[in-house]
Each structure stands twice: as C-alpha cells, then as structure tokens.
Amino acid sequence: MSFQERLKKLRLEKKLTQDDMAKHLGITRQAYGYYESATNQRETDHEATKKLANFFNVSIDYLLENTDNPSPIDKEDEEFKKAISDPDLKRWYSELPNSDEEDLQKLRKMWDIIKNEDK
C-alpha cells in the first residue's frame, strides 16, 4: 500500500475530510489533496509527515512504506529490548514468572534498596 493510500485510509477511518486534515496541518485543502493523489505532485515535508504520524498514532516508517506495522515504537519498548539483549538480564526476565511470591517480595525489597541508595 502506498503512502497516498495509507494516508487516505487513515483519514477515512477517522471519518475526516481532506479539509479537516488541511486545517490540522495548516495548509490548503488542495495541497493536502496532493498528498493523497495517485499522481502525488507534492510530497510531504518532514514536519508534515511527523504531524500526520502523530495525529494518526502511527509510525513515520509506516507512512513511508518501510513497514506494514502501523504501531509507533514506544520508547519504553525500545529500552526494554535493549535491556534484555544482555543474556543475564534476558535469562532473569524469562525466569521471573516462575518465581514464587516470597522470592518476588525479596526482589522488590532489593530493588527498592537499589533505587533509594543514591538519595
């Protein structure tokens, strides 16, 4: 699906007109119409693409056809993925759900001590 098709689909899902979108972006309806046009005589600039992605709560990569996953990557998800790339942390995380409640309580107490150590 092309940028133009994705943009139109997202707009229609929200039951918005091209005029609504143009007002949101601060451009004319005609200028916005070019964004959805099959001939695409006008490309979005960086700021407009960012506004569109934020407005529709999709990733810029989705709009630009780099992925079919519309969900924006959450910064916390990104940090979590980075954290579990450490083999020890990944093993700890995968074993955590199998821990009994007493061990989980101990871990919580230890974590509180670590968090408050510098304060």
C-alpha atoms as a PDB file:
ATOM      1  CA  MET A   1       0.000   0.000   0.000  1.00  0.00           C
ATOM      2  CA  SER A   2       1.441   3.362  -0.991  1.00  0.00           C
ATOM      3  CA  PHE A   3       1.893   6.454   1.155  1.00  0.00           C
ATOM      4  CA  GLN A   4      -1.101   8.057  -0.548  1.00  0.00           C
ATOM      5  CA  GLU A   5      -3.301   5.001   0.035  1.00  0.00           C
ATOM      6  CA  ARG A   6      -2.264   4.705   3.680  1.00  0.00           C
ATOM      7  CA  LEU A   7      -2.901   8.370   4.306  1.00  0.00           C
ATOM      8  CA  LYS A   8      -6.353   8.221   2.720  1.00  0.00           C
ATOM      9  CA  LYS A   9      -7.234   5.005   4.591  1.00  0.00           C
ATOM     10  CA  LEU A  10      -6.213   6.522   7.940  1.00  0.00           C
ATOM     11  CA  ARG A  11      -8.191   9.695   7.234  1.00  0.00           C
ATOM     12  CA  LEU A  12     -11.320   7.778   6.232  1.00  0.00           C
ATOM     13  CA  GLU A  13     -11.068   5.531   9.305  1.00  0.00           C
ATOM     14  CA  LYS A  14     -11.374   8.687  11.403  1.00  0.00           C
ATOM     15  CA  LYS A  15     -14.223   9.935   9.195  1.00  0.00           C
ATOM     16  CA  LEU A  16     -12.347  13.119   8.356  1.00  0.00           C
ATOM     17  CA  THR A  17     -12.365  15.183   5.196  1.00  0.00           C
ATOM     18  CA  GLN A  18      -9.366  16.449   3.301  1.00  0.00           C
ATOM     19  CA  ASP A  19     -10.382  19.899   4.516  1.00  0.00           C
ATOM     20  CA  ASP A  20     -10.189  18.677   8.149  1.00  0.00           C
ATOM     21  CA  MET A  21      -6.684  17.374   7.537  1.00  0.00           C
ATOM     22  CA  ALA A  22      -5.581  20.527   5.742  1.00  0.00           C
ATOM     23  CA  LYS A  23      -6.712  22.634   8.711  1.00  0.00           C
ATOM     24  CA  HIS A  24      -4.842  20.347  11.105  1.00  0.00           C
ATOM     25  CA  LEU A  25      -1.642  20.718   9.055  1.00  0.00           C
ATOM     26  CA  GLY A  26      -2.120  24.424   8.380  1.00  0.00           C
ATOM     27  CA  ILE A  27      -2.165  24.013   4.599  1.00  0.00           C
ATOM     28  CA  THR A  28      -4.785  24.372   1.882  1.00  0.00           C
ATOM     29  CA  ARG A  29      -7.185  21.567   1.039  1.00  0.00           C
ATOM     30  CA  GLN A  30      -5.670  21.436  -2.430  1.00  0.00           C
ATOM     31  CA  ALA A  31      -2.163  20.999  -1.012  1.00  0.00           C
ATOM     32  CA  TYR A  32      -3.407  18.188   1.230  1.00  0.00           C
ATOM     33  CA  GLY A  33      -5.230  16.635  -1.716  1.00  0.00           C
ATOM     34  CA  TYR A  34      -1.894  16.272  -3.494  1.00  0.00           C
ATOM     35  CA  TYR A  35      -0.619  14.188  -0.554  1.00  0.00           C
ATOM     36  CA  GLU A  36      -3.347  11.623  -1.276  1.00  0.00           C
ATOM     37  CA  SER A  37      -3.230  11.996  -5.051  1.00  0.00           C
ATOM     38  CA  ALA A  38      -2.221   8.982  -7.125  1.00  0.00           C
ATOM     39  CA  THR A  39      -0.041  11.301  -9.190  1.00  0.00           C
ATOM     40  CA  ASN A  40       1.398  12.745  -5.960  1.00  0.00           C
ATOM     41  CA  GLN A  41       2.512  16.041  -7.402  1.00  0.00           C
ATOM     42  CA  ARG A  42       3.505  17.209  -3.932  1.00  0.00           C
ATOM     43  CA  GLU A  43       5.426  15.341  -1.237  1.00  0.00           C
ATOM     44  CA  THR A  44       5.015  15.982   2.467  1.00  0.00           C
ATOM     45  CA  ASP A  45       7.830  17.766   4.207  1.00  0.00           C
ATOM     46  CA  HIS A  46       9.436  16.357   7.344  1.00  0.00           C
ATOM     47  CA  GLU A  47       7.275  18.371   9.730  1.00  0.00           C
ATOM     48  CA  ALA A  48       4.016  17.460   7.948  1.00  0.00           C
ATOM     49  CA  THR A  49       4.943  13.765   7.909  1.00  0.00           C
ATOM     50  CA  LYS A  50       5.694  13.933  11.640  1.00  0.00           C
ATOM     51  CA  LYS A  51       2.379  15.696  12.333  1.00  0.00           C
ATOM     52  CA  LEU A  52       0.485  13.104  10.283  1.00  0.00           C
ATOM     53  CA  ALA A  53       2.146  10.190  12.081  1.00  0.00           C
ATOM     54  CA  ASN A  54       1.411  11.741  15.482  1.00  0.00           C
ATOM     55  CA  PHE A  55      -2.159  12.626  14.524  1.00  0.00           C
ATOM     56  CA  PHE A  56      -2.935   9.087  13.335  1.00  0.00           C
ATOM     57  CA  ASN A  57      -0.772   7.489  16.062  1.00  0.00           C
ATOM     58  CA  VAL A  58       1.262   5.525  13.535  1.00  0.00           C
ATOM     59  CA  SER A  59       4.978   5.389  12.899  1.00  0.00           C
ATOM     60  CA  ILE A  60       6.622   7.512  10.251  1.00  0.00           C
ATOM     61  CA  ASP A  61       8.067   4.267   8.882  1.00  0.00           C
ATOM     62  CA  TYR A  62       4.529   3.009   8.349  1.00  0.00           C
ATOM     63  CA  LEU A  63       3.553   6.129   6.408  1.00  0.00           C
ATOM     64  CA  LEU A  64       6.727   5.935   4.325  1.00  0.00           C
ATOM     65  CA  GLU A  65       6.125   2.242   3.491  1.00  0.00           C
ATOM     66  CA  ASN A  66       9.172   0.961   5.390  1.00  0.00           C
ATOM     67  CA  THR A  67       6.962  -1.329   7.477  1.00  0.00           C
ATOM     68  CA  ASP A  68       3.456  -2.725   7.427  1.00  0.00           C
ATOM     69  CA  ASN A  69       3.193  -2.370  11.203  1.00  0.00           C
ATOM     70  CA  PRO A  70       1.390   0.925  11.882  1.00  0.00           C
ATOM     71  CA  SER A  71       2.216   0.961  15.590  1.00  0.00           C
ATOM     72  CA  PRO A  72       4.799   3.501  16.593  1.00  0.00           C
ATOM     73  CA  ILE A  73       7.689   2.026  18.557  1.00  0.00           C
ATOM     74  CA  ASP A  74       7.281   3.001  22.154  1.00  0.00           C
ATOM     75  CA  LYS A  75      10.473   4.358  23.701  1.00  0.00           C
ATOM     76  CA  GLU A  76       9.933   2.098  26.719  1.00  0.00           C
ATOM     77  CA  ASP A  77       9.642  -0.935  24.418  1.00  0.00           C
ATOM     78  CA  GLU A  78      12.867   0.113  22.735  1.00  0.00           C
ATOM     79  CA  GLU A  79      14.651   0.471  26.075  1.00  0.00           C
ATOM     80  CA  PHE A  80      13.250  -2.864  27.249  1.00  0.00           C
ATOM     81  CA  LYS A  81      14.501  -4.625  24.103  1.00  0.00           C
ATOM     82  CA  LYS A  82      17.919  -3.077  24.634  1.00  0.00           C
ATOM     83  CA  ALA A  83      17.939  -4.176  28.282  1.00  0.00           C
ATOM     84  CA  ILE A  84      17.088  -7.795  27.551  1.00  0.00           C
ATOM     85  CA  SER A  85      19.750  -8.021  24.888  1.00  0.00           C
ATOM     86  CA  ASP A  86      22.030  -8.696  27.857  1.00  0.00           C
ATOM     87  CA  PRO A  87      21.981 -12.533  28.198  1.00  0.00           C
ATOM     88  CA  ASP A  88      21.934 -12.451  32.014  1.00  0.00           C
ATOM     89  CA  LEU A  89      19.027  -9.982  32.149  1.00  0.00           C
ATOM     90  CA  LYS A  90      17.145 -11.922  29.492  1.00  0.00           C
ATOM     91  CA  ARG A  91      17.545 -15.169  31.472  1.00  0.00           C
ATOM     92  CA  TRP A  92      16.487 -13.409  34.678  1.00  0.00           C
ATOM     93  CA  TYR A  93      13.429 -11.899  32.970  1.00  0.00           C
ATOM     94  CA  SER A  94      12.345 -15.207  31.416  1.00  0.00           C
ATOM     95  CA  GLU A  95      12.658 -16.998  34.777  1.00  0.00           C
ATOM     96  CA  LEU A  96      10.877 -14.297  36.755  1.00  0.00           C
ATOM     97  CA  PRO A  97       7.296 -15.508  36.073  1.00  0.00           C
ATOM     98  CA  ASN A  98       8.199 -18.922  37.523  1.00  0.00           C
ATOM     99  CA  SER A  99       9.377 -17.428  40.818  1.00  0.00           C
ATOM    100  CA  ASP A 100       7.319 -17.932  43.946  1.00  0.00           C
ATOM    101  CA  GLU A 101       5.762 -14.968  45.729  1.00  0.00           C
ATOM    102  CA  GLU A 102       8.324 -14.984  48.533  1.00  0.00           C
ATOM    103  CA  ASP A 103      11.202 -14.586  46.054  1.00  0.00           C
ATOM    104  CA  LEU A 104       9.325 -11.814  44.226  1.00  0.00           C
ATOM    105  CA  GLN A 105       8.866  -9.945  47.520  1.00  0.00           C
ATOM    106  CA  LYS A 106      12.611 -10.227  48.185  1.00  0.00           C
ATOM    107  CA  LEU A 107      13.379  -8.899  44.703  1.00  0.00           C
ATOM    108  CA  ARG A 108      11.039  -5.938  45.224  1.00  0.00           C
ATOM    109  CA  LYS A 109      12.767  -5.082  48.532  1.00  0.00           C
ATOM    110  CA  MET A 110      16.187  -5.350  46.897  1.00  0.00           C
ATOM    111  CA  TRP A 111      15.066  -3.131  44.042  1.00  0.00           C
ATOM    112  CA  ASP A 112      13.757  -0.506  46.482  1.00  0.00           C
ATOM    113  CA  ILE A 113      17.121  -0.505  48.252  1.00  0.00           C
ATOM    114  CA  ILE A 114      18.971  -0.058  44.944  1.00  0.00           C
ATOM    115  CA  LYS A 115      16.648   2.752  43.762  1.00  0.00           C
ATOM    116  CA  ASN A 116      16.928   4.663  47.045  1.00  0.00           C
ATOM    117  CA  GLU A 117      20.660   4.133  47.548  1.00  0.00           C
ATOM    118  CA  ASP A 118      21.719   7.434  45.955  1.00  0.00           C
ATOM    119  CA  LYS A 119      19.003   9.511  47.602  1.00  0.00           C
END
